[in-house]
Amino acid sequence: LRVGELSLVYLNKKAGVRGTKSLAVLI
């Protein structure tokens, strides 16, 4: 169900990027 796509948001957040920004970029 492509749930794994959201791992990008988590991993970017660990690297110092806000979750909302990562999600917008992913979209």
PDB file of all heavy atoms in Angstrom:
ATOM      1  N   LEU A   1       0.812  -1.219   0.000  1.00  0.00           N
ATOM      2  CA  LEU A   1       0.000   0.000   0.000  1.00  0.00           C
ATOM      3  C   LEU A   1       0.848   1.272   0.000  1.00  0.00           C
ATOM      4  O   LEU A   1       0.374   2.342   0.362  1.00  0.00           O
ATOM      5  CB  LEU A   1      -0.957   0.009   1.213  1.00  0.00           C
ATOM      6  CG  LEU A   1      -1.888  -1.205   1.331  1.00  0.00           C
ATOM      7  CD1 LEU A   1      -2.749  -1.082   2.575  1.00  0.00           C
ATOM      8  CD2 LEU A   1      -2.740  -1.355   0.088  1.00  0.00           C
ATOM      9  N   ARG A   2       2.109   1.158  -0.401  1.00  0.00           N
ATOM     10  CA  ARG A   2       3.020   2.311  -0.521  1.00  0.00           C
ATOM     11  C   ARG A   2       3.215   3.058   0.798  1.00  0.00           C
ATOM     12  O   ARG A   2       3.598   4.241   0.796  1.00  0.00           O
ATOM     13  CB  ARG A   2       2.506   3.285  -1.584  1.00  0.00           C
ATOM     14  CG  ARG A   2       2.211   2.666  -2.933  1.00  0.00           C
ATOM     15  CD  ARG A   2       3.429   1.975  -3.497  1.00  0.00           C
ATOM     16  NE  ARG A   2       4.480   2.918  -3.827  1.00  0.00           N
ATOM     17  CZ  ARG A   2       5.663   2.573  -4.312  1.00  0.00           C
ATOM     18  NH1 ARG A   2       5.962   1.293  -4.484  1.00  0.00           N
ATOM     19  NH2 ARG A   2       6.565   3.484  -4.603  1.00  0.00           N
ATOM     20  N   VAL A   3       2.947   2.401   1.923  1.00  0.00           N
ATOM     21  CA  VAL A   3       3.152   3.035   3.224  1.00  0.00           C
ATOM     22  C   VAL A   3       4.628   3.367   3.414  1.00  0.00           C
ATOM     23  O   VAL A   3       4.988   4.356   4.068  1.00  0.00           O
ATOM     24  CB  VAL A   3       2.657   2.121   4.363  1.00  0.00           C
ATOM     25  CG1 VAL A   3       2.950   2.728   5.727  1.00  0.00           C
ATOM     26  CG2 VAL A   3       1.161   1.867   4.219  1.00  0.00           C
ATOM     27  N   GLY A   4       5.498   2.552   2.824  1.00  0.00           N
ATOM     28  CA  GLY A   4       6.928   2.774   2.962  1.00  0.00           C
ATOM     29  C   GLY A   4       7.396   4.103   2.395  1.00  0.00           C
ATOM     30  O   GLY A   4       8.493   4.573   2.738  1.00  0.00           O
ATOM     31  N   GLU A   5       6.592   4.734   1.523  1.00  0.00           N
ATOM     32  CA  GLU A   5       6.964   6.033   0.967  1.00  0.00           C
ATOM     33  C   GLU A   5       7.184   7.061   2.078  1.00  0.00           C
ATOM     34  O   GLU A   5       8.039   7.942   1.974  1.00  0.00           O
ATOM     35  CB  GLU A   5       5.871   6.528   0.013  1.00  0.00           C
ATOM     36  CG  GLU A   5       5.732   5.733  -1.268  1.00  0.00           C
ATOM     37  CD  GLU A   5       6.770   6.139  -2.298  1.00  0.00           C
ATOM     38  OE1 GLU A   5       7.603   7.011  -1.991  1.00  0.00           O
ATOM     39  OE2 GLU A   5       6.751   5.578  -3.399  1.00  0.00           O
ATOM     40  N   LEU A   6       6.390   6.942   3.140  1.00  0.00           N
ATOM     41  CA  LEU A   6       6.464   7.917   4.225  1.00  0.00           C
ATOM     42  C   LEU A   6       7.756   7.813   5.022  1.00  0.00           C
ATOM     43  O   LEU A   6       8.053   8.691   5.833  1.00  0.00           O
ATOM     44  CB  LEU A   6       5.259   7.738   5.159  1.00  0.00           C
ATOM     45  CG  LEU A   6       3.889   7.978   4.514  1.00  0.00           C
ATOM     46  CD1 LEU A   6       2.787   7.728   5.519  1.00  0.00           C
ATOM     47  CD2 LEU A   6       3.801   9.406   3.973  1.00  0.00           C
ATOM     48  N   SER A   7       8.512   6.735   4.803  1.00  0.00           N
ATOM     49  CA  SER A   7       9.790   6.609   5.502  1.00  0.00           C
ATOM     50  C   SER A   7      10.739   7.741   5.107  1.00  0.00           C
ATOM     51  O   SER A   7      11.626   8.110   5.877  1.00  0.00           O
ATOM     52  CB  SER A   7      10.434   5.253   5.205  1.00  0.00           C
ATOM     53  OG  SER A   7      10.715   5.113   3.814  1.00  0.00           O
ATOM     54  N   LEU A   8      10.551   8.306   3.905  1.00  0.00           N
ATOM     55  CA  LEU A   8      11.376   9.433   3.471  1.00  0.00           C
ATOM     56  C   LEU A   8      11.204  10.616   4.412  1.00  0.00           C
ATOM     57  O   LEU A   8      12.183  11.298   4.756  1.00  0.00           O
ATOM     58  CB  LEU A   8      11.008   9.845   2.038  1.00  0.00           C
ATOM     59  CG  LEU A   8      11.795  11.038   1.486  1.00  0.00           C
ATOM     60  CD1 LEU A   8      13.212  10.604   1.130  1.00  0.00           C
ATOM     61  CD2 LEU A   8      11.113  11.631   0.264  1.00  0.00           C
ATOM     62  N   VAL A   9       9.964  10.845   4.841  1.00  0.00           N
ATOM     63  CA  VAL A   9       9.682  11.949   5.753  1.00  0.00           C
ATOM     64  C   VAL A   9      10.414  11.737   7.074  1.00  0.00           C
ATOM     65  O   VAL A   9      11.047  12.653   7.616  1.00  0.00           O
ATOM     66  CB  VAL A   9       8.165  12.079   5.996  1.00  0.00           C
ATOM     67  CG1 VAL A   9       7.877  13.201   6.989  1.00  0.00           C
ATOM     68  CG2 VAL A   9       7.434  12.332   4.680  1.00  0.00           C
ATOM     69  N   TYR A  10      10.349  10.516   7.589  1.00  0.00           N
ATOM     70  CA  TYR A  10      11.006  10.192   8.869  1.00  0.00           C
ATOM     71  C   TYR A  10      12.521  10.319   8.758  1.00  0.00           C
ATOM     72  O   TYR A  10      13.174  10.928   9.617  1.00  0.00           O
ATOM     73  CB  TYR A  10      10.622   8.780   9.302  1.00  0.00           C
ATOM     74  CG  TYR A  10      11.398   8.291  10.506  1.00  0.00           C
ATOM     75  CD1 TYR A  10      11.073   8.726  11.792  1.00  0.00           C
ATOM     76  CD2 TYR A  10      12.466   7.409  10.348  1.00  0.00           C
ATOM     77  CE1 TYR A  10      11.787   8.287  12.889  1.00  0.00           C
ATOM     78  CE2 TYR A  10      13.186   6.965  11.447  1.00  0.00           C
ATOM     79  CZ  TYR A  10      12.845   7.405  12.712  1.00  0.00           C
ATOM     80  OH  TYR A  10      13.559   6.967  13.806  1.00  0.00           O
ATOM     81  N   LEU A  11      13.092   9.767   7.687  1.00  0.00           N
ATOM     82  CA  LEU A  11      14.541   9.791   7.514  1.00  0.00           C
ATOM     83  C   LEU A  11      15.058  11.211   7.298  1.00  0.00           C
ATOM     84  O   LEU A  11      16.119  11.585   7.818  1.00  0.00           O
ATOM     85  CB  LEU A  11      14.934   8.901   6.333  1.00  0.00           C
ATOM     86  CG  LEU A  11      14.677   7.403   6.533  1.00  0.00           C
ATOM     87  CD1 LEU A  11      14.886   6.640   5.224  1.00  0.00           C
ATOM     88  CD2 LEU A  11      15.581   6.841   7.620  1.00  0.00           C
ATOM     89  N   ASN A  12      14.303  12.011   6.543  1.00  0.00           N
ATOM     90  CA  ASN A  12      14.707  13.407   6.342  1.00  0.00           C
ATOM     91  C   ASN A  12      14.620  14.193   7.647  1.00  0.00           C
ATOM     92  O   ASN A  12      15.444  15.081   7.911  1.00  0.00           O
ATOM     93  CB  ASN A  12      13.829  14.077   5.285  1.00  0.00           C
ATOM     94  CG  ASN A  12      14.223  13.673   3.874  1.00  0.00           C
ATOM     95  OD1 ASN A  12      15.262  13.055   3.660  1.00  0.00           O
ATOM     96  ND2 ASN A  12      13.397  14.004   2.910  1.00  0.00           N
ATOM     97  N   LYS A  13      13.614  13.862   8.444  1.00  0.00           N
ATOM     98  CA  LYS A  13      13.464  14.548   9.732  1.00  0.00           C
ATOM     99  C   LYS A  13      14.649  14.245  10.639  1.00  0.00           C
ATOM    100  O   LYS A  13      15.128  15.115  11.366  1.00  0.00           O
ATOM    101  CB  LYS A  13      12.160  14.118  10.399  1.00  0.00           C
ATOM    102  CG  LYS A  13      11.787  14.941  11.620  1.00  0.00           C
ATOM    103  CD  LYS A  13      10.413  14.569  12.146  1.00  0.00           C
ATOM    104  CE  LYS A  13      10.040  15.445  13.353  1.00  0.00           C
ATOM    105  NZ  LYS A  13       8.699  15.090  13.879  1.00  0.00           N
ATOM    106  N   LYS A  14      15.136  13.010  10.578  1.00  0.00           N
ATOM    107  CA  LYS A  14      16.309  12.637  11.364  1.00  0.00           C
ATOM    108  C   LYS A  14      17.549  13.396  10.880  1.00  0.00           C
ATOM    109  O   LYS A  14      18.495  13.596  11.640  1.00  0.00           O
ATOM    110  CB  LYS A  14      16.564  11.128  11.255  1.00  0.00           C
ATOM    111  CG  LYS A  14      15.452  10.254  11.813  1.00  0.00           C
ATOM    112  CD  LYS A  14      15.416  10.293  13.333  1.00  0.00           C
ATOM    113  CE  LYS A  14      16.547   9.476  13.918  1.00  0.00           C
ATOM    114  NZ  LYS A  14      16.471   9.402  15.388  1.00  0.00           N
ATOM    115  N   ALA A  15      17.508  13.814   9.605  1.00  0.00           N
ATOM    116  CA  ALA A  15      18.633  14.559   9.030  1.00  0.00           C
ATOM    117  C   ALA A  15      18.488  16.064   9.221  1.00  0.00           C
ATOM    118  O   ALA A  15      19.312  16.833   8.729  1.00  0.00           O
ATOM    119  CB  ALA A  15      18.772  14.236   7.544  1.00  0.00           C
ATOM    120  N   GLY A  16      17.412  16.494   9.903  1.00  0.00           N
ATOM    121  CA  GLY A  16      17.252  17.907  10.216  1.00  0.00           C
ATOM    122  C   GLY A  16      16.255  18.667   9.371  1.00  0.00           C
ATOM    123  O   GLY A  16      16.167  19.890   9.468  1.00  0.00           O
ATOM    124  N   VAL A  17      15.479  17.969   8.521  1.00  0.00           N
ATOM    125  CA  VAL A  17      14.490  18.638   7.666  1.00  0.00           C
ATOM    126  C   VAL A  17      13.095  18.432   8.266  1.00  0.00           C
ATOM    127  O   VAL A  17      12.746  17.311   8.670  1.00  0.00           O
ATOM    128  CB  VAL A  17      14.525  18.077   6.229  1.00  0.00           C
ATOM    129  CG1 VAL A  17      13.460  18.745   5.365  1.00  0.00           C
ATOM    130  CG2 VAL A  17      15.910  18.293   5.626  1.00  0.00           C
ATOM    131  N   ARG A  18      12.312  19.502   8.332  1.00  0.00           N
ATOM    132  CA  ARG A  18      10.961  19.413   8.898  1.00  0.00           C
ATOM    133  C   ARG A  18      10.108  18.392   8.153  1.00  0.00           C
ATOM    134  O   ARG A  18      10.182  18.276   6.941  1.00  0.00           O
ATOM    135  CB  ARG A  18      10.269  20.777   8.864  1.00  0.00           C
ATOM    136  CG  ARG A  18      10.843  21.778   9.840  1.00  0.00           C
ATOM    137  CD  ARG A  18      10.034  23.055   9.903  1.00  0.00           C
ATOM    138  NE  ARG A  18       9.931  23.695   8.602  1.00  0.00           N
ATOM    139  CZ  ARG A  18       8.802  23.822   7.923  1.00  0.00           C
ATOM    140  NH1 ARG A  18       7.683  23.300   8.389  1.00  0.00           N
ATOM    141  NH2 ARG A  18       8.788  24.435   6.765  1.00  0.00           N
ATOM    142  N   GLY A  19       9.256  17.703   8.910  1.00  0.00           N
ATOM    143  CA  GLY A  19       8.413  16.666   8.330  1.00  0.00           C
ATOM    144  C   GLY A  19       7.448  17.197   7.292  1.00  0.00           C
ATOM    145  O   GLY A  19       7.245  16.579   6.242  1.00  0.00           O
ATOM    146  N   THR A  20       6.856  18.362   7.557  1.00  0.00           N
ATOM    147  CA  THR A  20       5.894  18.931   6.610  1.00  0.00           C
ATOM    148  C   THR A  20       6.560  19.291   5.284  1.00  0.00           C
ATOM    149  O   THR A  20       5.978  19.112   4.217  1.00  0.00           O
ATOM    150  CB  THR A  20       5.226  20.184   7.205  1.00  0.00           C
ATOM    151  OG1 THR A  20       6.247  21.090   7.666  1.00  0.00           O
ATOM    152  CG2 THR A  20       4.334  19.816   8.373  1.00  0.00           C
ATOM    153  N   LYS A  21       7.799  19.793   5.364  1.00  0.00           N
ATOM    154  CA  LYS A  21       8.525  20.147   4.144  1.00  0.00           C
ATOM    155  C   LYS A  21       8.857  18.895   3.340  1.00  0.00           C
ATOM    156  O   LYS A  21       8.714  18.874   2.116  1.00  0.00           O
ATOM    157  CB  LYS A  21       9.804  20.901   4.487  1.00  0.00           C
ATOM    158  CG  LYS A  21      10.589  21.366   3.261  1.00  0.00           C
ATOM    159  CD  LYS A  21      11.776  22.229   3.640  1.00  0.00           C
ATOM    160  CE  LYS A  21      12.503  22.731   2.395  1.00  0.00           C
ATOM    161  NZ  LYS A  21      13.638  23.617   2.742  1.00  0.00           N
ATOM    162  N   SER A  22       9.301  17.835   4.024  1.00  0.00           N
ATOM    163  CA  SER A  22       9.631  16.583   3.342  1.00  0.00           C
ATOM    164  C   SER A  22       8.398  15.978   2.687  1.00  0.00           C
ATOM    165  O   SER A  22       8.468  15.458   1.573  1.00  0.00           O
ATOM    166  CB  SER A  22      10.230  15.583   4.339  1.00  0.00           C
ATOM    167  OG  SER A  22      11.468  16.033   4.820  1.00  0.00           O
ATOM    168  N   LEU A  23       7.259  16.051   3.380  1.00  0.00           N
ATOM    169  CA  LEU A  23       6.023  15.503   2.823  1.00  0.00           C
ATOM    170  C   LEU A  23       5.593  16.287   1.593  1.00  0.00           C
ATOM    171  O   LEU A  23       5.154  15.699   0.593  1.00  0.00           O
ATOM    172  CB  LEU A  23       4.914  15.514   3.880  1.00  0.00           C
ATOM    173  CG  LEU A  23       3.592  14.859   3.473  1.00  0.00           C
ATOM    174  CD1 LEU A  23       3.824  13.397   3.085  1.00  0.00           C
ATOM    175  CD2 LEU A  23       2.577  14.952   4.603  1.00  0.00           C
ATOM    176  N   ALA A  24       5.725  17.612   1.649  1.00  0.00           N
ATOM    177  CA  ALA A  24       5.368  18.434   0.489  1.00  0.00           C
ATOM    178  C   ALA A  24       6.261  18.102  -0.701  1.00  0.00           C
ATOM    179  O   ALA A  24       5.786  17.973  -1.833  1.00  0.00           O
ATOM    180  CB  ALA A  24       5.503  19.914   0.848  1.00  0.00           C
ATOM    181  N   VAL A  25       7.558  17.937  -0.450  1.00  0.00           N
ATOM    182  CA  VAL A  25       8.500  17.586  -1.514  1.00  0.00           C
ATOM    183  C   VAL A  25       8.163  16.215  -2.091  1.00  0.00           C
ATOM    184  O   VAL A  25       8.203  16.009  -3.310  1.00  0.00           O
ATOM    185  CB  VAL A  25       9.946  17.599  -0.965  1.00  0.00           C
ATOM    186  CG1 VAL A  25      10.897  16.889  -1.917  1.00  0.00           C
ATOM    187  CG2 VAL A  25      10.407  19.032  -0.749  1.00  0.00           C
ATOM    188  N   LEU A  26       7.812  15.263  -1.223  1.00  0.00           N
ATOM    189  CA  LEU A  26       7.443  13.930  -1.677  1.00  0.00           C
ATOM    190  C   LEU A  26       6.199  13.972  -2.557  1.00  0.00           C
ATOM    191  O   LEU A  26       6.124  13.292  -3.591  1.00  0.00           O
ATOM    192  CB  LEU A  26       7.200  13.020  -0.468  1.00  0.00           C
ATOM    193  CG  LEU A  26       6.799  11.572  -0.756  1.00  0.00           C
ATOM    194  CD1 LEU A  26       7.896  10.850  -1.537  1.00  0.00           C
ATOM    195  CD2 LEU A  26       6.496  10.823   0.536  1.00  0.00           C
ATOM    196  N   ILE A  27       5.220  14.786  -2.163  1.00  0.00           N
ATOM    197  CA  ILE A  27       3.992  14.908  -2.944  1.00  0.00           C
ATOM    198  C   ILE A  27       4.290  15.489  -4.321  1.00  0.00           C
ATOM    199  O   ILE A  27       3.789  14.996  -5.345  1.00  0.00           O
ATOM    200  CB  ILE A  27       2.961  15.785  -2.203  1.00  0.00           C
ATOM    201  CG1 ILE A  27       2.460  15.055  -0.943  1.00  0.00           C
ATOM    202  CG2 ILE A  27       1.781  16.127  -3.109  1.00  0.00           C
ATOM    203  CD1 ILE A  27       1.582  15.913  -0.059  1.00  0.00           C
TER     204      ILE A  27
END
